[in-house]
Protein backbone atom coordinates (compact mmCIF):
# COMPACT_ATOMS: atom_id res chain seq x y z
CA MET A 1 0.16 -0.05 0.03
CA LYS A 2 1.15 3.34 -0.97
CA LYS A 3 0.80 5.21 2.16
CA LYS A 4 2.94 8.23 1.19
CA LEU A 5 1.12 8.63 -2.23
CA ILE A 6 -2.12 8.41 -0.35
CA ALA A 7 -1.41 11.21 2.10
CA VAL A 8 -0.36 13.51 -0.87
CA PHE A 9 -4.22 12.73 -2.56
CA TRP A 10 -5.81 13.51 0.79
CA THR A 11 -4.16 16.65 1.56
CA ALA A 12 -4.49 17.98 -2.25
CA LEU A 13 -8.23 16.88 -1.81
CA VAL A 14 -8.91 18.76 1.18
CA LEU A 15 -7.75 21.92 -0.68
CA ALA A 16 -10.80 21.40 -3.17
CA LEU A 17 -13.53 21.11 -0.67
CA SER A 18 -16.18 23.97 -1.18
CA LEU A 19 -18.58 23.83 2.08
CA ALA A 20 -21.74 26.07 2.71
CA ALA A 21 -23.29 27.22 5.50
CA CYS A 22 -25.75 29.37 7.76
CA GLY A 23 -23.17 32.54 7.82
CA ARG A 24 -19.74 32.02 6.10
CA GLU A 25 -17.86 31.85 9.64
CA ASN A 26 -19.32 28.74 10.57
CA MET A 27 -18.83 26.84 6.92
CA ALA A 28 -16.98 23.96 8.91
CA ALA A 29 -20.61 22.95 10.73
CA VAL A 30 -22.23 21.94 7.34
CA MET A 31 -21.38 18.43 5.42
CA HIS A 32 -22.22 17.63 2.17
CA LEU A 33 -22.92 14.84 0.41
CA THR A 34 -20.53 15.33 -2.99
CA ARG A 35 -21.54 12.22 -5.06
CA THR A 36 -23.94 8.99 -4.94
CA GLU A 37 -23.30 5.85 -7.07
CA GLY A 38 -26.54 3.50 -7.41
CA MET A 39 -29.70 4.20 -5.02
CA VAL A 40 -29.05 6.26 -2.25
CA ARG A 41 -31.32 7.82 0.45
CA VAL A 42 -31.42 10.36 2.42
CA GLY A 43 -33.95 11.64 5.03
CA ASN A 44 -33.73 14.90 7.13
CA ALA A 45 -34.22 15.21 11.20
CA GLU A 46 -37.65 14.57 11.05
CA GLY A 47 -37.21 11.70 8.87
CA LYS A 48 -38.96 13.37 5.30
CA ASP A 49 -36.77 12.34 2.26
CA VAL A 50 -34.53 14.89 0.75
CA LYS A 51 -33.99 15.02 -3.07
CA ILE A 52 -30.37 14.55 -3.85
CA SER A 53 -29.13 17.29 -5.84
CA GLU A 54 -25.50 18.21 -6.67
CA ASN A 55 -23.50 18.80 -3.46
CA LEU A 56 -26.03 18.20 -1.15
CA GLY A 57 -26.01 19.50 2.34
CA LEU A 58 -26.00 17.46 5.20
CA TYR A 59 -27.47 18.75 8.73
CA SER A 60 -27.48 17.72 12.19
CA GLY A 61 -30.13 15.06 12.28
CA TYR A 62 -29.78 13.89 8.61
CA GLU A 63 -29.42 10.32 7.58
CA VAL A 64 -27.82 8.71 4.68
CA ASN A 65 -28.56 5.19 3.49
CA THR A 66 -27.33 3.16 0.36
CA GLN A 67 -29.02 0.04 -1.27
CA ALA A 68 -26.79 -2.77 -2.83
CA GLU A 69 -24.04 -1.75 -4.87
CA SER A 70 -24.55 1.89 -3.93
CA TYR A 71 -22.29 4.35 -2.46
CA GLY A 72 -22.35 7.50 -0.62
CA TRP A 73 -19.17 10.12 -0.81
CA ILE A 74 -19.56 12.34 2.12
CA THR A 75 -17.43 15.38 3.19
CA LEU A 76 -17.30 16.93 6.35
CA ASP A 77 -15.61 20.47 7.26
CA ASP A 78 -12.41 21.04 5.22
CA ALA A 79 -10.80 18.09 6.56
CA LYS A 80 -13.04 15.11 7.10
CA LEU A 81 -13.81 13.04 4.60
CA ALA A 82 -15.92 9.53 4.60
CA LYS A 83 -17.58 6.81 2.17
CA LEU A 84 -20.35 5.23 2.88
CA ASP A 85 -20.20 1.20 2.10
CA ALA A 86 -23.34 -0.80 -0.04
CA SER A 87 -26.13 -1.52 1.96
CA SER A 88 -25.23 0.91 4.92
CA ALA A 89 -26.82 3.63 6.72
CA VAL A 90 -25.03 6.50 8.52
CA GLU A 91 -26.87 9.62 10.58
CA ILE A 92 -24.94 12.94 11.27
CA ARG A 93 -24.78 14.66 14.61
CA LYS A 94 -23.46 18.04 15.32
CA LYS A 95 -23.32 19.88 18.27
CA ASP A 96 -21.01 22.91 18.74
CA LYS A 97 -17.47 21.56 18.18
CA LEU A 98 -18.68 17.97 18.43
CA LEU A 99 -19.36 15.57 15.29
CA GLU A 100 -20.46 12.05 15.49
CA LEU A 101 -21.29 9.63 12.75
CA TYR A 102 -23.90 7.07 14.15
CA VAL A 103 -23.38 3.89 11.87
CA LEU A 104 -26.70 2.64 11.95
CA SER A 105 -25.54 -0.82 9.74
CA GLY A 106 -22.76 -1.17 7.03
CA GLY A 107 -19.38 0.08 6.31
CA LEU A 108 -18.07 4.09 6.54
CA PHE A 109 -14.62 4.54 5.35
CA PHE A 110 -13.33 7.60 7.28
CA ASN A 111 -10.36 9.76 6.67
CA VAL A 112 -9.14 13.17 9.13
CA THR A 113 -6.26 14.85 6.95
CA GLU A 114 -5.52 17.39 9.68
CA PRO A 115 -5.24 16.91 13.47
CA LEU A 116 -8.22 18.25 15.19
CA ALA A 117 -8.19 21.32 17.42
CA GLU A 118 -7.93 20.55 21.32
CA ASP A 119 -11.54 21.68 21.60
CA GLU A 120 -12.72 19.59 19.15
CA VAL A 121 -14.02 15.71 19.12
CA MET A 122 -15.30 13.98 16.19
CA ASN A 123 -16.62 9.97 16.96
CA ILE A 124 -18.01 7.30 14.78
CA ARG A 125 -20.50 5.51 17.03
CA THR A 126 -23.13 2.79 17.56
CA SER A 127 -25.45 3.73 20.52
CA ALA A 128 -23.12 1.56 23.04
CA MET A 129 -19.93 1.96 21.10
CA ALA A 130 -17.60 4.74 20.30
CA VAL A 131 -14.10 5.23 17.94
CA GLY A 132 -12.63 8.78 18.82
CA ILE A 133 -10.91 10.03 15.57
CA ARG A 134 -8.40 12.83 15.62
CA GLY A 135 -6.09 12.26 12.55
CA THR A 136 -6.28 8.86 11.09
CA CYS A 137 -7.34 6.79 8.13
CA GLY A 138 -9.32 3.66 8.59
CA TRP A 139 -12.84 2.00 8.41
CA VAL A 140 -15.68 0.26 10.30
CA ASP A 141 -18.23 -2.40 9.67
CA VAL A 142 -21.10 -2.24 12.40
CA GLU A 143 -22.83 -5.50 12.01
CA ASN A 144 -25.51 -4.37 14.93
CA GLU A 145 -25.29 -1.97 17.63
CA ASN A 146 -23.50 -4.11 19.86
CA LEU A 147 -20.82 -5.62 17.23
CA MET A 148 -18.39 -3.11 15.54
CA TYR A 149 -15.26 -4.13 13.49
CA VAL A 150 -12.61 -1.25 13.30
CA TYR A 151 -9.52 -1.07 11.08
CA LEU A 152 -6.88 1.61 11.30
CA LEU A 153 -4.61 2.17 7.96
CA GLU A 154 -2.76 4.97 9.54
CA GLY A 155 -2.20 7.10 13.14
CA LYS A 156 -4.05 5.85 15.97
CA VAL A 157 -8.03 5.77 17.64
CA GLU A 158 -9.20 4.99 21.22
CA CYS A 159 -12.44 2.32 20.88
CA SER A 160 -14.77 2.49 23.90
CA ILE A 161 -17.75 0.49 24.86
CA PHE A 162 -20.06 2.04 27.38
CA GLY A 163 -22.97 0.69 29.63
CA GLU A 164 -26.49 2.14 29.73
CA ASN A 165 -25.48 4.98 32.25
CA GLY A 166 -22.64 5.93 30.34
CA SER A 167 -20.01 4.30 32.25
CA VAL A 168 -17.20 3.17 30.43
CA LEU A 169 -17.33 -0.82 30.07
CA ALA A 170 -14.01 -1.25 27.84
CA SER A 171 -11.63 0.85 26.33
CA GLU A 172 -8.74 -0.19 23.80
CA THR A 173 -6.24 2.08 21.57
CA ILE A 174 -5.32 0.62 18.18
CA THR A 175 -2.72 1.79 15.71
CA ALA A 176 -1.88 1.45 11.84
CA GLY A 177 -2.31 -2.30 10.70
CA GLN A 178 -4.53 -3.19 13.78
CA THR A 179 -8.25 -4.17 13.91
CA ALA A 180 -10.45 -4.39 16.83
CA ARG A 181 -13.41 -6.34 17.12
CA MET A 182 -15.83 -4.55 19.85
CA VAL A 183 -18.46 -6.50 21.49
CA LEU A 184 -21.12 -5.63 23.93
CA ASP A 185 -23.01 -8.80 25.34
CA GLY A 186 -25.38 -7.77 28.09
CA ASP A 187 -23.59 -6.13 30.94
CA GLU A 188 -19.98 -7.71 29.65
CA ALA A 189 -18.15 -5.82 27.22
CA PHE A 190 -14.84 -6.47 25.54
CA ILE A 191 -11.89 -5.31 22.83
CA VAL A 192 -10.11 -7.86 21.14
CA THR A 193 -7.32 -5.95 18.60
CA GLU A 194 -4.95 -7.95 16.47
CA GLU A 195 -2.68 -7.15 13.30
CA TYR A 196 -4.49 -7.24 9.96
CA ASP A 197 -3.33 -8.11 6.02
CA ALA A 198 -3.52 -4.36 4.81
CA GLY A 199 -2.96 -5.61 1.50
CA GLU A 200 -6.50 -6.89 1.20
CA LEU A 201 -8.84 -3.94 1.64
CA PRO A 202 -12.85 -3.74 1.08
CA ALA A 203 -13.57 -3.05 -2.47
CA PHE A 204 -15.06 0.35 -1.19
CA VAL A 205 -12.56 1.39 0.69
CA GLU A 206 -9.86 0.53 -2.16
CA ASP A 207 -11.75 2.41 -4.75
CA ALA A 208 -11.86 5.66 -2.13
CA LEU A 209 -8.06 5.49 -1.85
CA GLU A 210 -7.10 4.98 -5.52
CA ASN A 211 -9.72 6.77 -7.19
CA PRO A 212 -9.36 10.36 -6.58
CA GLU A 213 -11.80 11.48 -9.07
CA SER A 214 -14.31 9.41 -7.58
CA TRP A 215 -15.20 12.09 -4.96
CA ASN A 216 -15.87 14.54 -7.63
CA ILE A 217 -16.04 17.57 -5.54
CA PRO A 218 -16.64 20.46 -7.52
CA GLY A 219 -14.44 23.48 -7.83
CA ASN A 220 -11.77 25.20 -5.28
CA ALA A 221 -12.98 26.86 -1.97
CA GLU A 222 -10.85 29.70 -2.63
CA ASP A 223 -12.38 30.44 -6.18
CA ARG A 224 -16.07 28.68 -5.44
CA ASP A 225 -19.01 31.57 -5.10
CA VAL A 226 -20.71 30.59 -2.10
CA SER A 227 -23.01 33.46 -1.55
CA GLU A 228 -26.47 31.30 -2.61
CA ASP A 229 -25.62 28.83 0.25
CA ALA A 230 -24.48 31.10 2.82
CA LYS A 231 -26.87 32.66 4.76
CA GLU A 232 -28.18 33.52 8.34
CA HIS A 233 -29.16 31.12 11.02
CA VAL A 234 -32.82 30.96 11.44
CA TRP A 235 -33.03 30.15 15.27
CA ALA A 236 -35.82 28.44 17.12
CA GLU A 237 -35.99 29.44 21.04
CA ALA A 238 -34.49 26.48 23.21
CA THR A 239 -37.42 24.34 24.94
CA CYS A 240 -37.95 21.92 27.80
CA PHE A 241 -36.31 19.16 25.01
CA THR A 242 -34.37 20.85 22.96
CA PRO A 243 -31.40 23.74 23.04
CA LYS A 244 -31.91 26.52 20.87
CA THR A 245 -31.91 25.07 17.50
CA CYS A 246 -31.27 26.41 13.72
CA SER A 247 -34.03 25.33 11.79
CA GLU A 248 -31.84 25.79 8.60
CA CYS A 249 -28.81 23.62 9.44
CA GLY A 250 -29.75 21.83 12.98
CA GLU A 251 -26.84 23.75 14.63
CA THR A 252 -27.26 24.60 18.39
CA GLU A 253 -26.50 26.92 20.78
CA GLY A 254 -26.07 26.44 24.58
CA ASP A 255 -28.59 24.37 26.35
CA ARG A 256 -32.23 23.06 26.71
CA LEU A 257 -34.38 24.76 29.38
CA PRO A 258 -34.78 23.30 32.74
CA HIS A 259 -38.57 22.41 33.83
CA GLU A 260 -40.01 24.76 36.07
CA PHE A 261 -42.84 22.52 38.12
CA THR A 262 -45.85 24.02 39.53
CA GLU A 263 -46.86 22.08 42.78
CA ALA A 264 -49.29 19.49 42.17
CA THR A 265 -53.17 20.23 42.78
CA TYR A 266 -56.73 18.59 43.26
CA GLN A 267 -57.41 19.52 39.17
CA SER A 268 -53.82 18.82 37.86
CA PRO A 269 -50.73 17.10 38.41
CA ALA A 270 -47.08 19.09 38.77
CA THR A 271 -46.84 20.91 35.60
CA CYS A 272 -44.08 22.65 33.69
CA LYS A 273 -44.89 26.16 33.36
CA VAL A 274 -41.97 26.44 30.22
CA CYS A 275 -43.22 23.39 28.21
CA GLY A 276 -46.69 22.03 30.02
CA THR A 277 -45.42 18.51 30.80
CA THR A 278 -46.93 16.84 33.28
CA ASP A 279 -44.80 14.85 36.53
CA GLY A 280 -46.43 12.30 38.36
CA GLU A 281 -50.34 12.51 39.63
CA MET A 282 -52.46 14.92 41.15
CA LEU A 283 -53.59 15.21 44.45
CA GLN A 284 -56.31 13.08 45.60
CA GLY A 285 -58.78 14.05 47.07
CA ASP A 286 -60.34 13.58 50.80
CA PHE A 287 -63.46 11.79 49.60
CA ASP A 288 -61.70 9.36 47.40
CA LYS A 289 -59.31 8.73 49.84
CA HIS A 290 -61.68 7.85 53.04
CA GLY A 291 -63.89 6.03 50.56
CA LEU A 292 -66.70 8.26 50.83
CA ILE A 293 -69.31 8.28 48.26
CA CYS A 294 -71.50 11.00 46.75
CA SER A 295 -74.59 9.08 46.21
CA ALA A 296 -77.72 11.64 46.63
CA GLU A 297 -79.49 12.71 43.60
CA LEU A 298 -81.42 15.06 42.55
CA ASP A 299 -85.40 14.69 43.46
CA LYS A 300 -85.27 11.65 44.54
CA GLU A 301 -86.51 11.22 48.59
CA TYR A 302 -84.25 9.41 51.02
CA PRO A 303 -84.83 8.04 54.42
CA TYR A 304 -83.93 10.25 57.33
CA THR A 305 -83.82 9.36 61.16
CA THR A 306 -82.80 12.15 63.54
CA LEU A 307 -83.26 13.03 66.99
CA THR A 308 -86.02 14.78 68.55
CA TYR A 309 -85.51 18.14 69.75
CA ARG A 310 -86.47 17.84 73.51
CA ASN A 311 -85.46 14.05 74.33
CA LYS A 312 -82.15 13.15 72.40
CA ASP A 313 -83.11 9.59 73.68
CA ILE A 314 -86.04 9.43 71.03
CA SER A 315 -85.41 9.31 67.25
CA VAL A 316 -87.76 10.06 64.47
CA ASN A 317 -88.15 9.05 60.99
CA GLY A 318 -88.33 11.27 57.75
CA THR A 319 -87.31 11.75 54.46
CA VAL A 320 -85.04 14.04 52.74
CA LEU A 321 -84.88 15.41 49.49
CA PHE A 322 -82.56 17.42 47.49
CA SER A 323 -84.11 19.79 44.52
CA ASN A 324 -83.71 22.66 42.48
CA TYR A 325 -79.89 22.66 42.19
CA ARG A 326 -78.88 25.75 40.52
CA ILE A 327 -75.67 27.37 39.19
CA PHE A 328 -76.16 31.29 38.21
CA GLU A 329 -74.03 34.65 38.77
CA SER A 330 -75.53 36.30 41.26
CA ASP A 331 -79.42 37.43 42.18
CA GLU A 332 -80.84 39.90 44.86
CA GLU A 333 -79.93 37.82 47.83
CA HIS A 334 -76.55 36.50 46.31
CA GLU A 335 -73.74 39.00 45.36
CA GLY A 336 -71.64 38.19 42.52
CA VAL A 337 -67.85 38.71 42.43
CA GLU A 338 -65.99 38.53 38.92
CA GLY A 339 -64.60 34.97 38.63
CA TYR A 340 -66.82 33.49 40.84
CA GLU A 341 -70.14 31.66 40.63
CA TRP A 342 -73.22 30.64 42.73
CA LYS A 343 -74.31 26.93 43.13
CA SER A 344 -77.28 26.34 45.63
CA VAL A 345 -79.30 23.18 46.21
CA ASP A 346 -82.97 23.22 48.38
CA VAL A 347 -82.73 20.48 51.25
CA THR A 348 -86.24 19.52 52.53
CA PHE A 349 -86.77 17.52 55.63
CA THR A 350 -89.94 15.96 56.28
CA TYR A 351 -91.38 14.11 59.11
CA ALA A 352 -94.95 12.56 59.52
CA GLU A 353 -94.28 10.44 62.58
CA ASP A 354 -96.06 11.37 66.31
CA ASN A 355 -92.81 11.70 67.59
CA ALA A 356 -91.48 14.84 65.59
CA TRP A 357 -95.28 16.15 66.87
CA ASP A 358 -94.72 15.21 70.22
CA TYR A 359 -90.76 16.07 70.62
CA GLY A 360 -90.11 18.62 67.95
CA THR A 361 -86.80 17.62 65.76
CA THR A 362 -83.79 19.45 64.39
CA SER A 363 -82.94 19.60 60.91
CA SER A 364 -79.89 21.12 59.44
CA PRO A 365 -78.04 19.99 56.34
CA PHE A 366 -74.02 20.09 56.99
CA THR A 367 -71.52 21.39 54.24
CA THR A 368 -68.26 20.07 53.45
CA ASP A 369 -65.51 19.92 50.67
CA PHE A 370 -64.54 16.76 48.67
CA TYR A 371 -61.04 17.70 48.24
CA ASN A 372 -59.88 19.27 51.57
CA ILE A 373 -62.25 18.11 54.75
CA VAL A 374 -62.21 20.26 57.49
CA PRO A 375 -63.33 19.44 61.31
CA LYS A 376 -66.59 20.67 61.93
CA ASN A 377 -66.23 23.91 63.22
CA VAL A 378 -69.43 25.91 63.08
CA SER A 379 -72.40 24.92 65.61
CA GLY A 380 -75.95 24.99 64.25
CA ALA A 381 -76.01 24.68 60.51
CA ASN A 382 -72.64 24.31 60.37
CA LYS A 383 -72.26 27.22 58.32
CA ASN A 384 -68.57 27.56 56.09
CA GLU A 385 -67.74 24.21 56.76
CA SER A 386 -66.40 23.57 53.47
CA ASN A 387 -63.90 26.32 54.01
CA VAL A 388 -60.46 25.24 52.62
CA GLY A 389 -58.56 28.36 53.76
CA VAL A 390 -59.12 30.09 56.95
CA ILE A 391 -62.91 32.02 57.58
CA ASP A 392 -61.84 36.13 57.88
CA GLU A 393 -63.91 38.38 59.60
CA ASN A 394 -66.59 38.65 56.77
CA ASP A 395 -67.16 34.72 56.63
CA THR A 396 -65.53 34.37 53.68
CA TYR A 397 -62.70 31.48 53.39
CA THR A 398 -60.33 30.70 50.84
CA ILE A 399 -60.07 28.08 48.03
CA ASN A 400 -57.18 27.13 45.91
CA PHE A 401 -58.30 26.05 42.12
CA ASN A 402 -55.92 25.06 39.64
CA GLY A 403 -53.34 26.37 41.47
CA ILE A 404 -54.71 30.18 42.44
CA ASP A 405 -56.27 30.81 46.07
CA TYR A 406 -59.42 32.51 45.70
CA THR A 407 -60.17 34.45 49.03
CA GLU A 408 -63.58 35.55 48.30
CA CYS A 409 -65.33 32.39 48.69
CA LEU A 410 -68.89 32.06 50.58
CA ASN A 411 -71.31 29.59 52.25
CA GLU A 412 -74.90 30.43 52.98
CA ASP A 413 -78.21 29.06 54.22
CA HIS A 414 -81.43 30.31 54.22
CA ALA A 415 -84.74 28.78 55.62
CA LEU A 416 -86.84 28.79 52.93
CA VAL A 417 -90.13 26.39 54.69
CA MET A 418 -90.45 25.74 58.16
CA GLU A 419 -94.09 24.87 59.03
CA TRP A 420 -96.42 22.14 60.18
CA ASN A 421 -99.44 20.47 58.16
CA ASP A 422 -101.92 17.94 59.48
CA ARG A 423 -99.31 17.33 62.10
CA VAL A 424 -96.42 16.72 59.13
CA TYR A 425 -93.35 19.04 59.50
CA THR A 426 -91.56 20.41 56.47
CA CYS A 427 -88.12 22.25 56.85
CA LYS A 428 -86.65 23.23 53.54
CA ILE A 429 -83.26 25.27 53.51
CA GLN A 430 -81.34 26.54 50.78
CA VAL A 431 -77.78 25.85 50.61
CA SER A 432 -75.22 28.40 48.57
CA PHE A 433 -71.66 28.36 47.91
CA ARG A 434 -70.01 31.14 46.09
CA VAL A 435 -66.92 29.51 44.57
CA PRO A 436 -64.58 29.96 41.77
CA ILE A 437 -66.16 29.08 38.32
CA GLY A 438 -65.85 25.75 37.69
CA TYR A 439 -65.21 24.48 41.03
CA ASP A 440 -66.99 21.07 41.47
CA GLY A 441 -65.61 20.62 45.41
CA SER A 442 -68.61 22.10 47.30
CA ILE A 443 -70.75 19.01 49.13
CA VAL A 444 -73.91 19.20 51.10
CA GLY A 445 -75.04 16.45 53.43
CA ALA A 446 -77.76 15.01 56.17
CA ILE A 447 -76.80 12.79 59.00
CA SER A 448 -78.40 12.11 62.19
CA ASP A 449 -78.54 14.71 64.71
CA GLY A 450 -75.89 13.99 67.76
CA ARG A 451 -73.41 12.15 65.40
CA TYR A 452 -71.24 15.26 64.20
CA ASN A 453 -69.98 17.21 66.64
CA ASP A 454 -67.87 19.80 66.80
CA GLY A 455 -64.20 18.96 65.90
CA ASP A 456 -65.44 15.82 64.22
CA TYR A 457 -64.13 14.89 60.68
CA ILE A 458 -67.04 13.87 58.65
CA TYR A 459 -65.31 10.68 57.47
CA GLU A 460 -64.81 9.63 60.97
CA VAL A 461 -68.96 9.41 61.99
CA ALA A 462 -70.36 9.11 58.56
CA ASP A 463 -72.48 5.60 58.20
CA GLU A 464 -74.57 3.83 55.76
CA ASN A 465 -77.60 6.65 56.16
CA THR A 466 -75.22 9.38 55.74
CA LEU A 467 -76.01 11.08 52.61
CA PHE A 468 -73.88 13.60 50.31
CA PHE A 469 -74.88 15.67 47.56
CA ARG A 470 -71.97 17.27 45.50
CA LEU A 471 -72.62 20.29 43.82
CA LYS A 472 -70.40 19.80 40.37
């Protein structure tokens, strides 16, 4: 093999390279498919086919595939050249000073005629293996992502195999005239090096070395007018998934943005304010957590047992009915507030037993909250039991809905009917909530008198006869 002649050829060839990029100062970032033979396909970073043209620009994320008896010649900046063997595929990745050729399958010849700068890195890779190139000539043959052969004609390269966490499982350096067989088998990795017969080269490598004209690189970099190719970067702003990226050439700048997660709420999981990505689950409401079920339906009478008013040792049976459920902005008795709505329901208790006539009854619905149950803290009708925050002097309370504190929430009740008719007592109470528009956590319930006292949590005292109606 005539190494001196080869070196002279590659040096001369580099002087003929003509490359274009987004801005003349970044010309080294652009790659070109200078020639094809047979059936060759090029796809962009989105997987769409790119029409092959003379000296086709290849950008980060582009993939080149060759069919049987088909080849592709690639130039990469002004001192790096490669040739893709038949039935092979390679993906080009470029970020700042890092250039990587991901060989997906088949063979790739490479020649770097000038040593890389200290801050430059060029790798030929599979997903788990890398060959670090600095100023060398050779080729690789990839059978699959876990088996790669490296053959070196000039210089030296470092061959490495990586684990899933990026740790180096095996590493060897080979020099001119040596080959390395790189194998990854599960968690085991090994690299076998040996001498090879440099006189027996693959046909596509021999052609690249002996036929300079096959590269078909037009013109001279100094003479060629690149004004049509040179253009400014068109930057797409960084996201949480990608750094700032040029939509024309795929060049990147800086790092991707960090996620900024909000706290999880009862309505949504932790959510990134930048990109909308969610993490984990939304908070679980207390009713779900404690297995309480809101089974009461509108306009359906349910049996109800409570204690008489004058003798707490005597019970009385009756019925309870939830009706006239309304959602409205405001009316004469309910003051409206921007961003809030009123939800109200009528609760009717009816008693026809003599015990009610003889000893009286106590009839009052209680209120609570589906998401955040607090202890019963107001006697009588339990006004404001549904508060999630602290009740202020105006009896308003705070609900956090979709991560926003609503401080003007209000719970009111009004007696609509309290009368005897033919020894049947009827008590109808309207219970109303002023809540954030769309809030669905307010609950009205009925429980026997004496079971639910100040300081109690409703989930501690509720039984199979306790009724819950949710104002969705």
